[in-house]
Amino acid sequence: MDRKALARDYKNTPRPMGVYRVRNTVNGKAFLGTARDLPGILNSQRAQLRMGSHMNRDLQRDWNELGADAFAFEVLDTLEPRVTPGYDPRDDLRALEALWLDRLQPYGERGYHGPRDSH
């Protein structure tokens, strides 16, 4: 297969979407989020942390102090894409994220989220 065909196939392949977690394996704190492209967001989270530009200052500080080996990047749940024309997964992703935030409670000492914020 040539490069153009590979690129076309990649672009036409639905990306897994859902909820992810960046977990500090030293203290158990967690940062949760959602994405329409889970592999892409996990790569982006790693890159932001490596570059020192992550939007969550507490997470970035722990990364700087503990190093990359102290963190796990995990997919917690996936959302099956609907074949409905015009389907927008934003509401479904928000609902899925709310379930995981409620389940894991990553606030205060348990996580990198402020009191009941959406990061």
PDB file of N, CA and C in Angstrom:
ATOM      1  N   MET A   1       0.843  -1.169   0.000  1.00  0.00           N
ATOM      2  CA  MET A   1       0.000   0.000   0.000  1.00  0.00           C
ATOM      3  C   MET A   1       0.899   1.247   0.000  1.00  0.00           C
ATOM      4  N   ASP A   2       0.551   2.234  -0.775  1.00  0.00           N
ATOM      5  CA  ASP A   2       1.374   3.444  -0.825  1.00  0.00           C
ATOM      6  C   ASP A   2       1.040   4.387   0.338  1.00  0.00           C
ATOM      7  N   ARG A   3       1.862   5.395   0.516  1.00  0.00           N
ATOM      8  CA  ARG A   3       1.711   6.320   1.642  1.00  0.00           C
ATOM      9  C   ARG A   3       0.382   7.067   1.607  1.00  0.00           C
ATOM     10  N   LYS A   4      -0.051   7.482   0.432  1.00  0.00           N
ATOM     11  CA  LYS A   4      -1.316   8.214   0.325  1.00  0.00           C
ATOM     12  C   LYS A   4      -2.486   7.342   0.753  1.00  0.00           C
ATOM     13  N   ALA A   5      -2.461   6.089   0.343  1.00  0.00           N
ATOM     14  CA  ALA A   5      -3.531   5.173   0.719  1.00  0.00           C
ATOM     15  C   ALA A   5      -3.523   4.925   2.225  1.00  0.00           C
ATOM     16  N   LEU A   6      -2.343   4.769   2.802  1.00  0.00           N
ATOM     17  CA  LEU A   6      -2.240   4.583   4.254  1.00  0.00           C
ATOM     18  C   LEU A   6      -2.773   5.805   5.002  1.00  0.00           C
ATOM     19  N   ALA A   7      -2.408   6.980   4.547  1.00  0.00           N
ATOM     20  CA  ALA A   7      -2.876   8.214   5.175  1.00  0.00           C
ATOM     21  C   ALA A   7      -4.392   8.329   5.058  1.00  0.00           C
ATOM     22  N   ARG A   8      -4.929   8.011   3.899  1.00  0.00           N
ATOM     23  CA  ARG A   8      -6.377   8.072   3.684  1.00  0.00           C
ATOM     24  C   ARG A   8      -7.098   7.086   4.599  1.00  0.00           C
ATOM     25  N   ASP A   9      -6.581   5.862   4.684  1.00  0.00           N
ATOM     26  CA  ASP A   9      -7.194   4.865   5.560  1.00  0.00           C
ATOM     27  C   ASP A   9      -7.166   5.318   7.012  1.00  0.00           C
ATOM     28  N   TYR A  10      -6.044   5.902   7.436  1.00  0.00           N
ATOM     29  CA  TYR A  10      -5.924   6.396   8.808  1.00  0.00           C
ATOM     30  C   TYR A  10      -6.965   7.479   9.089  1.00  0.00           C
ATOM     31  N   LYS A  11      -7.094   8.432   8.172  1.00  0.00           N
ATOM     32  CA  LYS A  11      -8.041   9.529   8.356  1.00  0.00           C
ATOM     33  C   LYS A  11      -9.480   9.041   8.371  1.00  0.00           C
ATOM     34  N   ASN A  12      -9.761   7.970   7.647  1.00  0.00           N
ATOM     35  CA  ASN A  12     -11.124   7.446   7.565  1.00  0.00           C
ATOM     36  C   ASN A  12     -11.454   6.439   8.657  1.00  0.00           C
ATOM     37  N   THR A  13     -10.482   6.065   9.458  1.00  0.00           N
ATOM     38  CA  THR A  13     -10.715   5.126  10.545  1.00  0.00           C
ATOM     39  C   THR A  13     -11.207   5.892  11.764  1.00  0.00           C
ATOM     40  N   PRO A  14     -12.361   5.518  12.302  1.00  0.00           N
ATOM     41  CA  PRO A  14     -12.848   6.217  13.496  1.00  0.00           C
ATOM     42  C   PRO A  14     -11.861   6.055  14.651  1.00  0.00           C
ATOM     43  N   ARG A  15     -11.575   7.153  15.334  1.00  0.00           N
ATOM     44  CA  ARG A  15     -10.662   7.138  16.467  1.00  0.00           C
ATOM     45  C   ARG A  15     -11.450   6.762  17.720  1.00  0.00           C
ATOM     46  N   PRO A  16     -10.856   5.977  18.623  1.00  0.00           N
ATOM     47  CA  PRO A  16     -11.564   5.662  19.866  1.00  0.00           C
ATOM     48  C   PRO A  16     -11.735   6.928  20.706  1.00  0.00           C
ATOM     49  N   MET A  17     -12.949   7.129  21.221  1.00  0.00           N
ATOM     50  CA  MET A  17     -13.208   8.296  22.065  1.00  0.00           C
ATOM     51  C   MET A  17     -13.712   7.827  23.417  1.00  0.00           C
ATOM     52  N   GLY A  18     -13.512   8.677  24.415  1.00  0.00           N
ATOM     53  CA  GLY A  18     -13.964   8.316  25.748  1.00  0.00           C
ATOM     54  C   GLY A  18     -13.265   9.105  26.835  1.00  0.00           C
ATOM     55  N   VAL A  19     -13.097   8.449  27.986  1.00  0.00           N
ATOM     56  CA  VAL A  19     -12.533   9.066  29.185  1.00  0.00           C
ATOM     57  C   VAL A  19     -11.142   8.508  29.427  1.00  0.00           C
ATOM     58  N   TYR A  20     -10.214   9.412  29.765  1.00  0.00           N
ATOM     59  CA  TYR A  20      -8.839   9.007  30.062  1.00  0.00           C
ATOM     60  C   TYR A  20      -8.440   9.502  31.449  1.00  0.00           C
ATOM     61  N   ARG A  21      -7.352   8.925  31.946  1.00  0.00           N
ATOM     62  CA  ARG A  21      -6.816   9.346  33.239  1.00  0.00           C
ATOM     63  C   ARG A  21      -5.302   9.414  33.165  1.00  0.00           C
ATOM     64  N   VAL A  22      -4.744  10.476  33.742  1.00  0.00           N
ATOM     65  CA  VAL A  22      -3.317  10.562  33.992  1.00  0.00           C
ATOM     66  C   VAL A  22      -3.191  10.318  35.492  1.00  0.00           C
ATOM     67  N   ARG A  23      -2.539   9.215  35.862  1.00  0.00           N
ATOM     68  CA  ARG A  23      -2.487   8.802  37.271  1.00  0.00           C
ATOM     69  C   ARG A  23      -1.063   8.857  37.802  1.00  0.00           C
ATOM     70  N   ASN A  24      -0.913   9.540  38.925  1.00  0.00           N
ATOM     71  CA  ASN A  24       0.352   9.603  39.632  1.00  0.00           C
ATOM     72  C   ASN A  24       0.472   8.295  40.414  1.00  0.00           C
ATOM     73  N   THR A  25       1.434   7.462  40.065  1.00  0.00           N
ATOM     74  CA  THR A  25       1.570   6.148  40.702  1.00  0.00           C
ATOM     75  C   THR A  25       2.234   6.236  42.079  1.00  0.00           C
ATOM     76  N   VAL A  26       2.779   7.385  42.420  1.00  0.00           N
ATOM     77  CA  VAL A  26       3.412   7.566  43.727  1.00  0.00           C
ATOM     78  C   VAL A  26       2.367   7.914  44.782  1.00  0.00           C
ATOM     79  N   ASN A  27       1.509   8.891  44.483  1.00  0.00           N
ATOM     80  CA  ASN A  27       0.538   9.316  45.490  1.00  0.00           C
ATOM     81  C   ASN A  27      -0.911   8.995  45.124  1.00  0.00           C
ATOM     82  N   GLY A  28      -1.150   8.412  43.973  1.00  0.00           N
ATOM     83  CA  GLY A  28      -2.495   7.997  43.578  1.00  0.00           C
ATOM     84  C   GLY A  28      -3.387   9.095  43.033  1.00  0.00           C
ATOM     85  N   LYS A  29      -2.900  10.328  42.983  1.00  0.00           N
ATOM     86  CA  LYS A  29      -3.722  11.421  42.464  1.00  0.00           C
ATOM     87  C   LYS A  29      -3.977  11.219  40.978  1.00  0.00           C
ATOM     88  N   ALA A  30      -5.134  11.723  40.514  1.00  0.00           N
ATOM     89  CA  ALA A  30      -5.527  11.498  39.131  1.00  0.00           C
ATOM     90  C   ALA A  30      -6.065  12.761  38.479  1.00  0.00           C
ATOM     91  N   PHE A  31      -5.847  12.832  37.183  1.00  0.00           N
ATOM     92  CA  PHE A  31      -6.399  13.880  36.328  1.00  0.00           C
ATOM     93  C   PHE A  31      -7.226  13.170  35.266  1.00  0.00           C
ATOM     94  N   LEU A  32      -8.513  13.496  35.159  1.00  0.00           N
ATOM     95  CA  LEU A  32      -9.409  12.874  34.192  1.00  0.00           C
ATOM     96  C   LEU A  32      -9.813  13.856  33.114  1.00  0.00           C
ATOM     97  N   GLY A  33     -10.119  13.326  31.948  1.00  0.00           N
ATOM     98  CA  GLY A  33     -10.622  14.138  30.855  1.00  0.00           C
ATOM     99  C   GLY A  33     -11.298  13.271  29.814  1.00  0.00           C
ATOM    100  N   THR A  34     -11.858  13.913  28.811  1.00  0.00           N
ATOM    101  CA  THR A  34     -12.493  13.196  27.700  1.00  0.00           C
ATOM    102  C   THR A  34     -11.882  13.658  26.395  1.00  0.00           C
ATOM    103  N   ALA A  35     -12.029  12.820  25.392  1.00  0.00           N
ATOM    104  CA  ALA A  35     -11.513  13.180  24.075  1.00  0.00           C
ATOM    105  C   ALA A  35     -12.236  12.397  22.994  1.00  0.00           C
ATOM    106  N   ARG A  36     -12.312  13.013  21.837  1.00  0.00           N
ATOM    107  CA  ARG A  36     -12.828  12.330  20.652  1.00  0.00           C
ATOM    108  C   ARG A  36     -11.765  11.452  20.022  1.00  0.00           C
ATOM    109  N   ASP A  37     -10.523  11.652  20.417  1.00  0.00           N
ATOM    110  CA  ASP A  37      -9.389  10.880  19.906  1.00  0.00           C
ATOM    111  C   ASP A  37      -8.497  10.531  21.096  1.00  0.00           C
ATOM    112  N   LEU A  38      -8.756   9.385  21.733  1.00  0.00           N
ATOM    113  CA  LEU A  38      -8.012   9.020  22.936  1.00  0.00           C
ATOM    114  C   LEU A  38      -6.511   8.866  22.707  1.00  0.00           C
ATOM    115  N   PRO A  39      -6.071   8.157  21.663  1.00  0.00           N
ATOM    116  CA  PRO A  39      -4.621   8.076  21.466  1.00  0.00           C
ATOM    117  C   PRO A  39      -3.994   9.460  21.262  1.00  0.00           C
ATOM    118  N   GLY A  40      -4.693  10.321  20.553  1.00  0.00           N
ATOM    119  CA  GLY A  40      -4.178  11.661  20.301  1.00  0.00           C
ATOM    120  C   GLY A  40      -4.080  12.490  21.572  1.00  0.00           C
ATOM    121  N   ILE A  41      -5.102  12.442  22.428  1.00  0.00           N
ATOM    122  CA  ILE A  41      -5.065  13.247  23.648  1.00  0.00           C
ATOM    123  C   ILE A  41      -4.024  12.714  24.625  1.00  0.00           C
ATOM    124  N   LEU A  42      -3.856  11.404  24.684  1.00  0.00           N
ATOM    125  CA  LEU A  42      -2.833  10.866  25.586  1.00  0.00           C
ATOM    126  C   LEU A  42      -1.437  11.288  25.138  1.00  0.00           C
ATOM    127  N   ASN A  43      -1.205  11.285  23.839  1.00  0.00           N
ATOM    128  CA  ASN A  43       0.075  11.792  23.316  1.00  0.00           C
ATOM    129  C   ASN A  43       0.233  13.272  23.628  1.00  0.00           C
ATOM    130  N   SER A  44      -0.835  14.030  23.489  1.00  0.00           N
ATOM    131  CA  SER A  44      -0.802  15.464  23.763  1.00  0.00           C
ATOM    132  C   SER A  44      -0.531  15.735  25.243  1.00  0.00           C
ATOM    133  N   GLN A  45      -1.171  14.965  26.118  1.00  0.00           N
ATOM    134  CA  GLN A  45      -0.943  15.140  27.562  1.00  0.00           C
ATOM    135  C   GLN A  45       0.523  14.884  27.904  1.00  0.00           C
ATOM    136  N   ARG A  46       1.079  13.813  27.360  1.00  0.00           N
ATOM    137  CA  ARG A  46       2.501  13.505  27.600  1.00  0.00           C
ATOM    138  C   ARG A  46       3.394  14.640  27.103  1.00  0.00           C
ATOM    139  N   ALA A  47       3.114  15.125  25.901  1.00  0.00           N
ATOM    140  CA  ALA A  47       3.931  16.185  25.308  1.00  0.00           C
ATOM    141  C   ALA A  47       3.847  17.466  26.136  1.00  0.00           C
ATOM    142  N   GLN A  48       2.660  17.845  26.562  1.00  0.00           N
ATOM    143  CA  GLN A  48       2.508  19.047  27.380  1.00  0.00           C
ATOM    144  C   GLN A  48       3.286  18.918  28.684  1.00  0.00           C
ATOM    145  N   LEU A  49       3.216  17.758  29.304  1.00  0.00           N
ATOM    146  CA  LEU A  49       3.947  17.554  30.556  1.00  0.00           C
ATOM    147  C   LEU A  49       5.452  17.583  30.319  1.00  0.00           C
ATOM    148  N   ARG A  50       5.908  16.932  29.264  1.00  0.00           N
ATOM    149  CA  ARG A  50       7.350  16.950  28.953  1.00  0.00           C
ATOM    150  C   ARG A  50       7.853  18.360  28.679  1.00  0.00           C
ATOM    151  N   MET A  51       7.029  19.174  28.035  1.00  0.00           N
ATOM    152  CA  MET A  51       7.412  20.537  27.677  1.00  0.00           C
ATOM    153  C   MET A  51       7.192  21.526  28.819  1.00  0.00           C
ATOM    154  N   GLY A  52       6.567  21.072  29.895  1.00  0.00           N
ATOM    155  CA  GLY A  52       6.314  21.953  31.032  1.00  0.00           C
ATOM    156  C   GLY A  52       5.174  22.922  30.810  1.00  0.00           C
ATOM    157  N   SER A  53       4.234  22.557  29.936  1.00  0.00           N
ATOM    158  CA  SER A  53       3.165  23.488  29.580  1.00  0.00           C
ATOM    159  C   SER A  53       1.764  22.943  29.848  1.00  0.00           C
ATOM    160  N   HIS A  54       1.633  21.969  30.733  1.00  0.00           N
ATOM    161  CA  HIS A  54       0.308  21.408  31.003  1.00  0.00           C
ATOM    162  C   HIS A  54      -0.556  22.445  31.709  1.00  0.00           C
ATOM    163  N   MET A  55      -1.840  22.463  31.378  1.00  0.00           N
ATOM    164  CA  MET A  55      -2.748  23.469  31.937  1.00  0.00           C
ATOM    165  C   MET A  55      -2.992  23.279  33.434  1.00  0.00           C
ATOM    166  N   ASN A  56      -2.791  22.073  33.947  1.00  0.00           N
ATOM    167  CA  ASN A  56      -3.002  21.826  35.370  1.00  0.00           C
ATOM    168  C   ASN A  56      -1.665  21.986  36.096  1.00  0.00           C
ATOM    169  N   ARG A  57      -1.548  23.057  36.834  1.00  0.00           N
ATOM    170  CA  ARG A  57      -0.272  23.394  37.474  1.00  0.00           C
ATOM    171  C   ARG A  57       0.174  22.361  38.503  1.00  0.00           C
ATOM    172  N   ASP A  58      -0.765  21.804  39.279  1.00  0.00           N
ATOM    173  CA  ASP A  58      -0.405  20.811  40.288  1.00  0.00           C
ATOM    174  C   ASP A  58       0.131  19.535  39.640  1.00  0.00           C
ATOM    175  N   LEU A  59      -0.520  19.108  38.584  1.00  0.00           N
ATOM    176  CA  LEU A  59      -0.059  17.936  37.849  1.00  0.00           C
ATOM    177  C   LEU A  59       1.326  18.200  37.262  1.00  0.00           C
ATOM    178  N   GLN A  60       1.499  19.365  36.669  1.00  0.00           N
ATOM    179  CA  GLN A  60       2.795  19.707  36.091  1.00  0.00           C
ATOM    180  C   GLN A  60       3.878  19.747  37.161  1.00  0.00           C
ATOM    181  N   ARG A  61       3.571  20.299  38.318  1.00  0.00           N
ATOM    182  CA  ARG A  61       4.554  20.367  39.402  1.00  0.00           C
ATOM    183  C   ARG A  61       4.973  18.952  39.841  1.00  0.00           C
ATOM    184  N   ASP A  62       3.991  18.064  40.023  1.00  0.00           N
ATOM    185  CA  ASP A  62       4.324  16.689  40.420  1.00  0.00           C
ATOM    186  C   ASP A  62       5.138  15.990  39.342  1.00  0.00           C
ATOM    187  N   TRP A  63       4.798  16.206  38.080  1.00  0.00           N
ATOM    188  CA  TRP A  63       5.563  15.631  36.965  1.00  0.00           C
ATOM    189  C   TRP A  63       7.011  16.108  37.020  1.00  0.00           C
ATOM    190  N   ASN A  64       7.191  17.406  37.237  1.00  0.00           N
ATOM    191  CA  ASN A  64       8.536  17.976  37.296  1.00  0.00           C
ATOM    192  C   ASN A  64       9.333  17.392  38.463  1.00  0.00           C
ATOM    193  N   GLU A  65       8.676  17.184  39.589  1.00  0.00           N
ATOM    194  CA  GLU A  65       9.356  16.670  40.782  1.00  0.00           C
ATOM    195  C   GLU A  65       9.614  15.163  40.718  1.00  0.00           C
ATOM    196  N   LEU A  66       8.644  14.400  40.195  1.00  0.00           N
ATOM    197  CA  LEU A  66       8.720  12.940  40.251  1.00  0.00           C
ATOM    198  C   LEU A  66       9.216  12.288  38.966  1.00  0.00           C
ATOM    199  N   GLY A  67       9.057  12.969  37.840  1.00  0.00           N
ATOM    200  CA  GLY A  67       9.488  12.420  36.569  1.00  0.00           C
ATOM    201  C   GLY A  67       8.426  11.583  35.883  1.00  0.00           C
ATOM    202  N   ALA A  68       8.657  11.317  34.617  1.00  0.00           N
ATOM    203  CA  ALA A  68       7.696  10.617  33.761  1.00  0.00           C
ATOM    204  C   ALA A  68       7.368   9.210  34.249  1.00  0.00           C
ATOM    205  N   ASP A  69       8.332   8.527  34.846  1.00  0.00           N
ATOM    206  CA  ASP A  69       8.102   7.145  35.281  1.00  0.00           C
ATOM    207  C   ASP A  69       7.086   7.035  36.410  1.00  0.00           C
ATOM    208  N   ALA A  70       6.738   8.142  37.039  1.00  0.00           N
ATOM    209  CA  ALA A  70       5.780   8.126  38.145  1.00  0.00           C
ATOM    210  C   ALA A  70       4.334   8.312  37.665  1.00  0.00           C
ATOM    211  N   PHE A  71       4.114   8.296  36.352  1.00  0.00           N
ATOM    212  CA  PHE A  71       2.778   8.544  35.822  1.00  0.00           C
ATOM    213  C   PHE A  71       2.342   7.474  34.844  1.00  0.00           C
ATOM    214  N   ALA A  72       1.058   7.137  34.927  1.00  0.00           N
ATOM    215  CA  ALA A  72       0.441   6.178  34.010  1.00  0.00           C
ATOM    216  C   ALA A  72      -0.642   6.918  33.221  1.00  0.00           C
ATOM    217  N   PHE A  73      -0.727   6.638  31.938  1.00  0.00           N
ATOM    218  CA  PHE A  73      -1.720   7.236  31.054  1.00  0.00           C
ATOM    219  C   PHE A  73      -2.682   6.123  30.659  1.00  0.00           C
ATOM    220  N   GLU A  74      -3.955   6.271  31.051  1.00  0.00           N
ATOM    221  CA  GLU A  74      -4.896   5.155  30.935  1.00  0.00           C
ATOM    222  C   GLU A  74      -6.199   5.576  30.258  1.00  0.00           C
ATOM    223  N   VAL A  75      -6.767   4.649  29.518  1.00  0.00           N
ATOM    224  CA  VAL A  75      -8.113   4.803  28.979  1.00  0.00           C
ATOM    225  C   VAL A  75      -9.045   4.142  29.981  1.00  0.00           C
ATOM    226  N   LEU A  76      -9.986   4.912  30.535  1.00  0.00           N
ATOM    227  CA  LEU A  76     -10.916   4.369  31.522  1.00  0.00           C
ATOM    228  C   LEU A  76     -12.173   3.804  30.896  1.00  0.00           C
ATOM    229  N   ASP A  77     -12.638   4.436  29.832  1.00  0.00           N
ATOM    230  CA  ASP A  77     -13.897   4.017  29.225  1.00  0.00           C
ATOM    231  C   ASP A  77     -13.951   4.545  27.804  1.00  0.00           C
ATOM    232  N   THR A  78     -14.589   3.806  26.938  1.00  0.00           N
ATOM    233  CA  THR A  78     -14.728   4.259  25.555  1.00  0.00           C
ATOM    234  C   THR A  78     -16.199   4.419  25.200  1.00  0.00           C
ATOM    235  N   LEU A  79     -16.433   5.242  24.216  1.00  0.00           N
ATOM    236  CA  LEU A  79     -17.777   5.516  23.722  1.00  0.00           C
ATOM    237  C   LEU A  79     -17.835   5.040  22.284  1.00  0.00           C
ATOM    238  N   GLU A  80     -18.780   4.191  21.999  1.00  0.00           N
ATOM    239  CA  GLU A  80     -18.936   3.697  20.634  1.00  0.00           C
ATOM    240  C   GLU A  80     -19.497   4.806  19.756  1.00  0.00           C
ATOM    241  N   PRO A  81     -18.852   5.095  18.629  1.00  0.00           N
ATOM    242  CA  PRO A  81     -19.379   6.142  17.752  1.00  0.00           C
ATOM    243  C   PRO A  81     -20.695   5.691  17.114  1.00  0.00           C
ATOM    244  N   ARG A  82     -21.624   6.596  17.040  1.00  0.00           N
ATOM    245  CA  ARG A  82     -22.900   6.303  16.383  1.00  0.00           C
ATOM    246  C   ARG A  82     -22.758   6.563  14.890  1.00  0.00           C
ATOM    247  N   VAL A  83     -23.510   5.825  14.129  1.00  0.00           N
ATOM    248  CA  VAL A  83     -23.485   6.008  12.679  1.00  0.00           C
ATOM    249  C   VAL A  83     -24.531   7.022  12.227  1.00  0.00           C
ATOM    250  N   THR A  84     -25.221   7.631  13.179  1.00  0.00           N
ATOM    251  CA  THR A  84     -26.237   8.627  12.878  1.00  0.00           C
ATOM    252  C   THR A  84     -25.587   9.848  12.224  1.00  0.00           C
ATOM    253  N   PRO A  85     -26.093  10.277  11.077  1.00  0.00           N
ATOM    254  CA  PRO A  85     -25.531  11.475  10.440  1.00  0.00           C
ATOM    255  C   PRO A  85     -25.633  12.688  11.379  1.00  0.00           C
ATOM    256  N   GLY A  86     -24.551  13.432  11.470  1.00  0.00           N
ATOM    257  CA  GLY A  86     -24.537  14.631  12.292  1.00  0.00           C
ATOM    258  C   GLY A  86     -24.396  14.378  13.783  1.00  0.00           C
ATOM    259  N   TYR A  87     -24.128  13.143  14.175  1.00  0.00           N
ATOM    260  CA  TYR A  87     -23.989  12.824  15.602  1.00  0.00           C
ATOM    261  C   TYR A  87     -22.846  13.619  16.217  1.00  0.00           C
ATOM    262  N   ASP A  88     -23.126  14.270  17.325  1.00  0.00           N
ATOM    263  CA  ASP A  88     -22.134  15.030  18.072  1.00  0.00           C
ATOM    264  C   ASP A  88     -21.966  14.354  19.434  1.00  0.00           C
ATOM    265  N   PRO A  89     -20.794  13.802  19.713  1.00  0.00           N
ATOM    266  CA  PRO A  89     -20.614  13.025  20.942  1.00  0.00           C
ATOM    267  C   PRO A  89     -20.377  13.859  22.204  1.00  0.00           C
ATOM    268  N   ARG A  90     -20.363  15.185  22.100  1.00  0.00           N
ATOM    269  CA  ARG A  90     -20.000  16.010  23.257  1.00  0.00           C
ATOM    270  C   ARG A  90     -20.844  15.730  24.497  1.00  0.00           C
ATOM    271  N   ASP A  91     -22.163  15.669  24.350  1.00  0.00           N
ATOM    272  CA  ASP A  91     -23.023  15.426  25.519  1.00  0.00           C
ATOM    273  C   ASP A  91     -22.777  14.039  26.100  1.00  0.00           C
ATOM    274  N   ASP A  92     -22.609  13.044  25.236  1.00  0.00           N
ATOM    275  CA  ASP A  92     -22.342  11.686  25.714  1.00  0.00           C
ATOM    276  C   ASP A  92     -20.995  11.619  26.436  1.00  0.00           C
ATOM    277  N   LEU A  93     -19.989  12.315  25.905  1.00  0.00           N
ATOM    278  CA  LEU A  93     -18.677  12.340  26.560  1.00  0.00           C
ATOM    279  C   LEU A  93     -18.750  13.034  27.914  1.00  0.00           C
ATOM    280  N   ARG A  94     -19.495  14.138  28.001  1.00  0.00           N
ATOM    281  CA  ARG A  94     -19.659  14.835  29.290  1.00  0.00           C
ATOM    282  C   ARG A  94     -20.335  13.934  30.311  1.00  0.00           C
ATOM    283  N   ALA A  95     -21.362  13.202  29.887  1.00  0.00           N
ATOM    284  CA  ALA A  95     -22.072  12.303  30.801  1.00  0.00           C
ATOM    285  C   ALA A  95     -21.151  11.179  31.274  1.00  0.00           C
ATOM    286  N   LEU A  96     -20.368  10.621  30.369  1.00  0.00           N
ATOM    287  CA  LEU A  96     -19.429   9.557  30.720  1.00  0.00           C
ATOM    288  C   LEU A  96     -18.369  10.082  31.685  1.00  0.00           C
ATOM    289  N   GLU A  97     -17.866  11.285  31.427  1.00  0.00           N
ATOM    290  CA  GLU A  97     -16.880  11.885  32.310  1.00  0.00           C
ATOM    291  C   GLU A  97     -17.474  12.121  33.699  1.00  0.00           C
ATOM    292  N   ALA A  98     -18.711  12.606  33.764  1.00  0.00           N
ATOM    293  CA  ALA A  98     -19.365  12.848  35.054  1.00  0.00           C
ATOM    294  C   ALA A  98     -19.479  11.554  35.853  1.00  0.00           C
ATOM    295  N   LEU A  99     -19.768  10.446  35.188  1.00  0.00           N
ATOM    296  CA  LEU A  99     -19.840   9.153  35.876  1.00  0.00           C
ATOM    297  C   LEU A  99     -18.497   8.786  36.499  1.00  0.00           C
ATOM    298  N   TRP A 100     -17.416   8.973  35.735  1.00  0.00           N
ATOM    299  CA  TRP A 100     -16.084   8.624  36.232  1.00  0.00           C
ATOM    300  C   TRP A 100     -15.619   9.591  37.318  1.00  0.00           C
ATOM    301  N   LEU A 101     -15.939  10.874  37.177  1.00  0.00           N
ATOM    302  CA  LEU A 101     -15.583  11.827  38.229  1.00  0.00           C
ATOM    303  C   LEU A 101     -16.299  11.465  39.526  1.00  0.00           C
ATOM    304  N   ASP A 102     -17.566  11.071  39.414  1.00  0.00           N
ATOM    305  CA  ASP A 102     -18.327  10.667  40.594  1.00  0.00           C
ATOM    306  C   ASP A 102     -17.755   9.389  41.204  1.00  0.00           C
ATOM    307  N   ARG A 103     -17.358   8.462  40.364  1.00  0.00           N
ATOM    308  CA  ARG A 103     -16.825   7.185  40.834  1.00  0.00           C
ATOM    309  C   ARG A 103     -15.462   7.339  41.505  1.00  0.00           C
ATOM    310  N   LEU A 104     -14.565   8.115  40.908  1.00  0.00           N
ATOM    311  CA  LEU A 104     -13.182   8.208  41.398  1.00  0.00           C
ATOM    312  C   LEU A 104     -12.925   9.378  42.344  1.00  0.00           C
ATOM    313  N   GLN A 105     -13.785  10.397  42.289  1.00  0.00           N
ATOM    314  CA  GLN A 105     -13.652  11.564  43.166  1.00  0.00           C
ATOM    315  C   GLN A 105     -12.220  12.130  43.172  1.00  0.00           C
ATOM    316  N   PRO A 106     -11.681  12.534  42.017  1.00  0.00           N
ATOM    317  CA  PRO A 106     -10.295  13.008  41.950  1.00  0.00           C
ATOM    318  C   PRO A 106     -10.138  14.473  42.368  1.00  0.00           C
ATOM    319  N   TYR A 107     -10.613  14.779  43.565  1.00  0.00           N
ATOM    320  CA  TYR A 107     -10.596  16.143  44.070  1.00  0.00           C
ATOM    321  C   TYR A 107      -9.671  16.238  45.280  1.00  0.00           C
ATOM    322  N   GLY A 108      -9.117  17.413  45.491  1.00  0.00           N
ATOM    323  CA  GLY A 108      -8.287  17.646  46.668  1.00  0.00           C
ATOM    324  C   GLY A 108      -7.103  16.699  46.724  1.00  0.00           C
ATOM    325  N   GLU A 109      -6.975  15.980  47.815  1.00  0.00           N
ATOM    326  CA  GLU A 109      -5.851  15.062  48.022  1.00  0.00           C
ATOM    327  C   GLU A 109      -5.907  13.830  47.112  1.00  0.00           C
ATOM    328  N   ARG A 110      -7.061  13.578  46.512  1.00  0.00           N
ATOM    329  CA  ARG A 110      -7.227  12.397  45.668  1.00  0.00           C
ATOM    330  C   ARG A 110      -6.994  12.678  44.188  1.00  0.00           C
ATOM    331  N   GLY A 111      -6.833  13.949  43.854  1.00  0.00           N
ATOM    332  CA  GLY A 111      -6.684  14.233  42.427  1.00  0.00           C
ATOM    333  C   GLY A 111      -6.233  15.643  42.142  1.00  0.00           C
ATOM    334  N   TYR A 112      -6.213  15.924  40.859  1.00  0.00           N
ATOM    335  CA  TYR A 112      -5.747  17.209  40.369  1.00  0.00           C
ATOM    336  C   TYR A 112      -6.893  18.127  39.973  1.00  0.00           C
ATOM    337  N   HIS A 113      -8.105  17.795  40.377  1.00  0.00           N
ATOM    338  CA  HIS A 113      -9.265  18.623  40.084  1.00  0.00           C
ATOM    339  C   HIS A 113      -9.615  19.420  41.325  1.00  0.00           C
ATOM    340  N   GLY A 114     -10.066  20.648  41.102  1.00  0.00           N
ATOM    341  CA  GLY A 114     -10.567  21.452  42.218  1.00  0.00           C
ATOM    342  C   GLY A 114     -11.892  20.887  42.679  1.00  0.00           C
ATOM    343  N   PRO A 115     -12.468  21.451  43.714  1.00  0.00           N
ATOM    344  CA  PRO A 115     -13.746  20.945  44.206  1.00  0.00           C
ATOM    345  C   PRO A 115     -14.812  20.944  43.116  1.00  0.00           C
ATOM    346  N   ARG A 116     -15.140  19.771  42.675  1.00  0.00           N
ATOM    347  CA  ARG A 116     -16.213  19.561  41.696  1.00  0.00           C
ATOM    348  C   ARG A 116     -16.101  20.435  40.458  1.00  0.00           C
ATOM    349  N   ASP A 117     -14.878  20.643  39.987  1.00  0.00           N
ATOM    350  CA  ASP A 117     -14.727  21.402  38.739  1.00  0.00           C
ATOM    351  C   ASP A 117     -14.612  20.434  37.584  1.00  0.00           C
ATOM    352  N   SER A 118     -14.496  20.978  36.398  1.00  0.00           N
ATOM    353  CA  SER A 118     -14.329  20.120  35.215  1.00  0.00           C
ATOM    354  C   SER A 118     -12.904  20.261  34.665  1.00  0.00           C
ATOM    355  N   HIS A 119     -11.971  20.594  35.528  1.00  0.00           N
ATOM    356  CA  HIS A 119     -10.542  20.829  35.300  1.00  0.00           C
ATOM    357  C   HIS A 119     -10.383  22.076  34.520  1.00  0.00           C
TER     358      HIS A 119
END
